[in-house]
């Protein structure tokens, strides 16, 4: 809908520019037939929707960064994080399944470990 409004505004401006050129052409005797009297068969085109970029996925590096941040906040979080990782069958951040990374990072960021 917004694109239709923009297209209509552009079309109006182009028509005004064409009318201004017609006026100049008639004033200087360059053209006896103004362009505004000429039939134009221009059909409006529909714009293709723009694809949204895919949501960013979490990586093991993101998980490592979240773990480091939690440990830097409080060293006692290290054992809690180890327990959280073990819930996902992992001894290290790299061992967490890729499909569970966002979930684990969400828990760490929320302090649910």
N, C-alpha and C. Protein backbone atom coordinates (compact mmCIF):
# COMPACT_ATOMS: atom_id res chain seq x y z
N UNK A 1 0.81 -1.18 0.00
CA UNK A 1 0.00 0.00 0.00
C UNK A 1 0.87 1.26 0.00
N UNK A 2 1.90 1.25 0.79
CA UNK A 2 2.78 2.40 0.87
C UNK A 2 3.48 2.62 -0.47
N UNK A 3 3.84 1.52 -1.13
CA UNK A 3 4.49 1.62 -2.43
C UNK A 3 3.58 2.26 -3.46
N UNK A 4 2.26 1.97 -3.37
CA UNK A 4 1.30 2.58 -4.29
C UNK A 4 1.25 4.08 -4.10
N UNK A 5 1.28 4.54 -2.86
CA UNK A 5 1.27 5.96 -2.57
C UNK A 5 2.53 6.63 -3.12
N UNK A 6 3.66 6.00 -2.91
CA UNK A 6 4.92 6.55 -3.40
C UNK A 6 4.91 6.60 -4.93
N UNK A 7 4.42 5.52 -5.55
CA UNK A 7 4.35 5.49 -7.01
C UNK A 7 3.45 6.58 -7.54
N UNK A 8 2.31 6.78 -6.89
CA UNK A 8 1.40 7.85 -7.33
C UNK A 8 2.02 9.22 -7.17
N UNK A 9 2.73 9.45 -6.08
CA UNK A 9 3.41 10.73 -5.86
C UNK A 9 4.47 10.98 -6.93
N UNK A 10 5.22 9.95 -7.26
CA UNK A 10 6.25 10.09 -8.30
C UNK A 10 5.60 10.39 -9.64
N UNK A 11 4.52 9.69 -9.94
CA UNK A 11 3.81 9.91 -11.20
C UNK A 11 3.29 11.34 -11.29
N UNK A 12 2.74 11.88 -10.20
CA UNK A 12 2.26 13.26 -10.19
C UNK A 12 3.40 14.24 -10.45
N UNK A 13 4.55 14.00 -9.82
CA UNK A 13 5.70 14.90 -10.00
C UNK A 13 6.20 14.84 -11.44
N UNK A 14 6.26 13.64 -12.01
CA UNK A 14 6.69 13.50 -13.40
C UNK A 14 5.72 14.20 -14.35
N UNK A 15 4.45 14.11 -14.05
CA UNK A 15 3.45 14.80 -14.88
C UNK A 15 3.65 16.31 -14.81
N UNK A 16 3.92 16.83 -13.62
CA UNK A 16 4.17 18.27 -13.47
C UNK A 16 5.40 18.70 -14.25
N UNK A 17 6.44 17.87 -14.23
CA UNK A 17 7.66 18.18 -14.97
C UNK A 17 7.38 18.18 -16.47
N UNK A 18 6.62 17.18 -16.93
CA UNK A 18 6.28 17.11 -18.36
C UNK A 18 5.46 18.33 -18.77
N UNK A 19 4.52 18.74 -17.92
CA UNK A 19 3.71 19.93 -18.22
C UNK A 19 4.58 21.18 -18.30
N UNK A 20 5.58 21.26 -17.41
CA UNK A 20 6.48 22.42 -17.45
C UNK A 20 7.27 22.44 -18.75
N UNK A 21 7.74 21.29 -19.21
CA UNK A 21 8.45 21.22 -20.49
C UNK A 21 7.52 21.60 -21.64
N UNK A 22 6.26 21.15 -21.57
CA UNK A 22 5.30 21.50 -22.61
C UNK A 22 5.13 23.01 -22.69
N UNK A 23 5.01 23.64 -21.53
CA UNK A 23 4.84 25.09 -21.49
C UNK A 23 6.04 25.78 -22.13
N UNK A 24 7.23 25.33 -21.80
CA UNK A 24 8.44 25.92 -22.38
C UNK A 24 8.49 25.69 -23.90
N UNK A 25 8.14 24.49 -24.34
CA UNK A 25 8.15 24.19 -25.77
C UNK A 25 7.17 25.08 -26.53
N UNK A 26 5.97 25.28 -25.97
CA UNK A 26 4.97 26.12 -26.63
C UNK A 26 5.44 27.58 -26.62
N UNK A 27 6.01 28.02 -25.51
CA UNK A 27 6.49 29.40 -25.40
C UNK A 27 7.55 29.70 -26.46
N UNK A 28 8.43 28.77 -26.72
CA UNK A 28 9.52 28.99 -27.66
C UNK A 28 9.20 28.45 -29.06
N UNK A 29 7.98 27.98 -29.25
CA UNK A 29 7.55 27.51 -30.56
C UNK A 29 8.25 26.25 -31.03
N UNK A 30 8.72 25.45 -30.11
CA UNK A 30 9.43 24.22 -30.48
C UNK A 30 8.48 23.07 -30.76
N UNK A 31 7.28 23.16 -30.22
CA UNK A 31 6.35 22.05 -30.37
C UNK A 31 4.93 22.62 -30.30
N UNK A 32 4.11 22.28 -31.26
CA UNK A 32 2.74 22.78 -31.28
C UNK A 32 1.78 21.89 -30.49
N UNK A 33 2.18 20.64 -30.21
CA UNK A 33 1.31 19.70 -29.51
C UNK A 33 1.91 19.38 -28.14
N UNK A 34 1.27 19.89 -27.08
CA UNK A 34 1.79 19.57 -25.75
C UNK A 34 1.73 18.07 -25.47
N UNK A 35 2.70 17.58 -24.75
CA UNK A 35 2.76 16.16 -24.42
C UNK A 35 1.56 15.71 -23.60
N UNK A 36 0.94 16.64 -22.87
CA UNK A 36 -0.19 16.27 -22.03
C UNK A 36 -1.41 15.89 -22.87
N UNK A 37 -1.43 16.26 -24.14
CA UNK A 37 -2.55 15.88 -25.00
C UNK A 37 -2.29 14.56 -25.72
N UNK A 38 -1.08 14.03 -25.61
CA UNK A 38 -0.73 12.77 -26.24
C UNK A 38 -1.13 11.63 -25.31
N UNK A 39 -1.77 10.61 -25.87
CA UNK A 39 -2.23 9.45 -25.08
C UNK A 39 -1.03 8.57 -24.75
N UNK A 40 -0.85 8.26 -23.50
CA UNK A 40 0.21 7.37 -23.06
C UNK A 40 -0.41 6.09 -22.54
N UNK A 41 0.06 4.99 -23.02
CA UNK A 41 -0.44 3.69 -22.56
C UNK A 41 0.58 3.06 -21.62
N UNK A 42 0.66 3.60 -20.45
CA UNK A 42 1.59 3.09 -19.45
C UNK A 42 0.78 2.37 -18.38
N UNK A 43 1.09 1.10 -18.22
CA UNK A 43 0.40 0.33 -17.21
C UNK A 43 1.23 0.30 -15.93
N UNK A 44 0.57 0.47 -14.79
CA UNK A 44 1.32 0.42 -13.53
C UNK A 44 1.89 -0.98 -13.31
N UNK A 45 3.06 -1.02 -12.76
CA UNK A 45 3.70 -2.30 -12.47
C UNK A 45 3.60 -2.57 -10.98
N UNK A 46 3.45 -3.83 -10.67
CA UNK A 46 3.43 -4.20 -9.26
C UNK A 46 4.86 -4.52 -8.83
N UNK A 47 5.19 -4.11 -7.65
CA UNK A 47 6.52 -4.35 -7.12
C UNK A 47 6.54 -5.71 -6.43
N UNK A 48 7.63 -6.41 -6.62
CA UNK A 48 7.80 -7.71 -5.95
C UNK A 48 8.11 -7.46 -4.48
N UNK A 49 7.53 -8.27 -3.59
CA UNK A 49 7.85 -8.09 -2.17
C UNK A 49 9.31 -8.41 -1.90
N UNK A 50 9.87 -7.65 -1.01
CA UNK A 50 11.27 -7.85 -0.62
C UNK A 50 11.32 -8.94 0.43
N UNK A 51 12.21 -9.90 0.22
CA UNK A 51 12.33 -10.98 1.19
C UNK A 51 13.01 -10.48 2.45
N UNK A 52 12.45 -10.88 3.57
CA UNK A 52 13.04 -10.53 4.85
C UNK A 52 14.29 -11.38 5.05
N UNK A 53 15.34 -10.80 5.59
CA UNK A 53 16.52 -11.61 5.85
C UNK A 53 16.20 -12.69 6.89
N UNK A 54 16.84 -13.81 6.73
CA UNK A 54 16.61 -14.91 7.66
C UNK A 54 17.07 -14.48 9.06
N UNK A 55 16.34 -14.91 10.08
CA UNK A 55 16.76 -14.54 11.43
C UNK A 55 18.15 -15.10 11.71
N UNK A 56 18.91 -14.33 12.43
CA UNK A 56 20.27 -14.77 12.72
C UNK A 56 20.23 -15.96 13.67
N UNK A 57 21.08 -16.90 13.43
CA UNK A 57 21.13 -18.07 14.28
C UNK A 57 22.28 -17.93 15.25
N UNK A 58 22.13 -18.55 16.37
CA UNK A 58 23.17 -18.51 17.39
C UNK A 58 24.28 -19.48 17.02
N UNK A 59 25.49 -19.12 17.41
CA UNK A 59 26.64 -19.97 17.14
C UNK A 59 27.27 -20.40 18.46
N UNK A 60 28.18 -21.34 18.36
CA UNK A 60 28.89 -21.78 19.56
C UNK A 60 29.72 -20.63 20.13
N UNK A 61 30.20 -19.74 19.27
CA UNK A 61 30.94 -18.58 19.76
C UNK A 61 30.04 -17.67 20.60
N UNK A 62 28.77 -17.55 20.19
CA UNK A 62 27.82 -16.76 20.98
C UNK A 62 27.61 -17.39 22.36
N UNK A 63 27.53 -18.71 22.37
CA UNK A 63 27.37 -19.43 23.64
C UNK A 63 28.60 -19.23 24.52
N UNK A 64 29.77 -19.33 23.93
CA UNK A 64 31.01 -19.13 24.70
C UNK A 64 31.04 -17.72 25.29
N UNK A 65 30.64 -16.73 24.49
CA UNK A 65 30.64 -15.34 24.97
C UNK A 65 29.65 -15.17 26.13
N UNK A 66 28.49 -15.80 26.03
CA UNK A 66 27.50 -15.71 27.11
C UNK A 66 28.03 -16.36 28.39
N UNK A 67 28.69 -17.51 28.22
CA UNK A 67 29.28 -18.21 29.39
C UNK A 67 30.37 -17.35 30.04
N UNK A 68 31.25 -16.80 29.22
CA UNK A 68 32.33 -15.96 29.76
C UNK A 68 31.77 -14.76 30.50
N UNK A 69 30.74 -14.15 29.93
CA UNK A 69 30.14 -12.99 30.58
C UNK A 69 29.55 -13.36 31.93
N UNK A 70 28.87 -14.50 31.99
CA UNK A 70 28.26 -14.94 33.25
C UNK A 70 29.33 -15.24 34.30
N UNK A 71 30.43 -15.86 33.88
CA UNK A 71 31.51 -16.19 34.82
C UNK A 71 32.21 -14.92 35.28
N UNK A 72 32.37 -13.97 34.38
CA UNK A 72 33.01 -12.70 34.78
C UNK A 72 32.16 -11.94 35.80
N UNK A 73 30.83 -12.08 35.66
CA UNK A 73 29.94 -11.43 36.63
C UNK A 73 30.09 -12.04 38.01
N UNK A 74 30.23 -13.37 38.05
CA UNK A 74 30.37 -14.06 39.33
C UNK A 74 31.03 -15.42 39.06
N UNK A 75 32.17 -15.63 39.64
CA UNK A 75 32.94 -16.86 39.40
C UNK A 75 32.15 -18.09 39.82
N UNK A 76 31.27 -17.96 40.79
CA UNK A 76 30.49 -19.12 41.26
C UNK A 76 29.51 -19.61 40.18
N UNK A 77 29.31 -18.81 39.13
CA UNK A 77 28.42 -19.23 38.04
C UNK A 77 29.02 -20.35 37.19
N UNK A 78 30.34 -20.53 37.32
CA UNK A 78 31.01 -21.53 36.48
C UNK A 78 30.42 -22.93 36.70
N UNK A 79 30.24 -23.31 37.94
CA UNK A 79 29.70 -24.65 38.23
C UNK A 79 28.24 -24.74 37.79
N UNK A 80 27.51 -23.63 37.92
CA UNK A 80 26.11 -23.62 37.49
C UNK A 80 26.01 -23.78 35.96
N UNK A 81 26.93 -23.12 35.27
CA UNK A 81 26.94 -23.23 33.81
C UNK A 81 27.31 -24.63 33.36
N UNK A 82 28.26 -25.26 34.07
CA UNK A 82 28.63 -26.65 33.76
C UNK A 82 27.41 -27.55 33.91
N UNK A 83 26.63 -27.32 34.97
CA UNK A 83 25.42 -28.12 35.19
C UNK A 83 24.40 -27.89 34.07
N UNK A 84 24.28 -26.64 33.65
CA UNK A 84 23.35 -26.33 32.56
C UNK A 84 23.78 -27.02 31.27
N UNK A 85 25.06 -26.96 30.96
CA UNK A 85 25.56 -27.61 29.75
C UNK A 85 25.33 -29.12 29.82
N UNK A 86 25.51 -29.70 31.00
CA UNK A 86 25.32 -31.15 31.14
C UNK A 86 23.86 -31.55 30.92
N UNK A 87 22.92 -30.64 31.16
CA UNK A 87 21.51 -30.92 30.88
C UNK A 87 21.29 -31.16 29.38
N UNK A 88 22.19 -30.62 28.58
CA UNK A 88 22.09 -30.78 27.13
C UNK A 88 23.11 -31.80 26.62
N UNK A 89 23.67 -32.59 27.54
CA UNK A 89 24.62 -33.64 27.18
C UNK A 89 25.96 -33.11 26.74
N UNK A 90 26.34 -31.94 27.24
CA UNK A 90 27.59 -31.31 26.81
C UNK A 90 28.52 -31.09 27.99
N UNK A 91 29.82 -31.30 27.73
CA UNK A 91 30.84 -30.97 28.73
C UNK A 91 31.40 -29.58 28.48
N UNK A 92 31.40 -29.18 27.21
CA UNK A 92 31.91 -27.87 26.80
C UNK A 92 30.86 -27.19 25.93
N UNK A 93 31.01 -25.89 25.73
CA UNK A 93 30.05 -25.14 24.92
C UNK A 93 29.96 -25.70 23.51
N UNK A 94 31.07 -26.13 22.96
CA UNK A 94 31.11 -26.65 21.60
C UNK A 94 30.30 -27.94 21.45
N UNK A 95 30.03 -28.63 22.56
CA UNK A 95 29.31 -29.91 22.53
C UNK A 95 27.79 -29.73 22.53
N UNK A 96 27.31 -28.52 22.75
CA UNK A 96 25.86 -28.28 22.76
C UNK A 96 25.33 -28.42 21.33
N UNK A 97 24.25 -29.16 21.14
CA UNK A 97 23.69 -29.31 19.79
C UNK A 97 23.30 -27.94 19.20
N UNK A 98 23.53 -27.78 17.92
CA UNK A 98 23.29 -26.50 17.24
C UNK A 98 21.84 -26.05 17.41
N UNK A 99 20.91 -26.98 17.36
CA UNK A 99 19.50 -26.62 17.46
C UNK A 99 19.10 -26.17 18.87
N UNK A 100 19.97 -26.35 19.85
CA UNK A 100 19.67 -25.96 21.23
C UNK A 100 20.45 -24.71 21.66
N UNK A 101 21.30 -24.18 20.78
CA UNK A 101 22.14 -23.04 21.16
C UNK A 101 21.33 -21.84 21.61
N UNK A 102 20.32 -21.46 20.83
CA UNK A 102 19.52 -20.27 21.18
C UNK A 102 18.84 -20.46 22.53
N UNK A 103 18.36 -21.66 22.78
CA UNK A 103 17.69 -21.96 24.05
C UNK A 103 18.65 -21.81 25.23
N UNK A 104 19.86 -22.38 25.10
CA UNK A 104 20.85 -22.31 26.18
C UNK A 104 21.29 -20.87 26.40
N UNK A 105 21.55 -20.16 25.32
CA UNK A 105 21.98 -18.76 25.44
C UNK A 105 20.87 -17.93 26.10
N UNK A 106 19.62 -18.21 25.73
CA UNK A 106 18.49 -17.51 26.35
C UNK A 106 18.43 -17.74 27.86
N UNK A 107 18.67 -18.99 28.26
CA UNK A 107 18.67 -19.30 29.70
C UNK A 107 19.81 -18.58 30.41
N UNK A 108 20.99 -18.55 29.79
CA UNK A 108 22.13 -17.89 30.44
C UNK A 108 21.86 -16.40 30.56
N UNK A 109 21.36 -15.79 29.48
CA UNK A 109 21.10 -14.35 29.51
C UNK A 109 20.00 -13.99 30.51
N UNK A 110 19.05 -14.92 30.73
CA UNK A 110 17.97 -14.69 31.69
C UNK A 110 18.38 -15.05 33.11
N UNK A 111 19.58 -15.65 33.26
CA UNK A 111 20.05 -16.05 34.60
C UNK A 111 19.39 -17.33 35.10
N UNK A 112 18.88 -18.12 34.18
CA UNK A 112 18.19 -19.38 34.56
C UNK A 112 19.14 -20.57 34.48
N UNK A 113 20.17 -20.55 35.30
CA UNK A 113 21.12 -21.66 35.31
C UNK A 113 21.50 -21.99 36.72
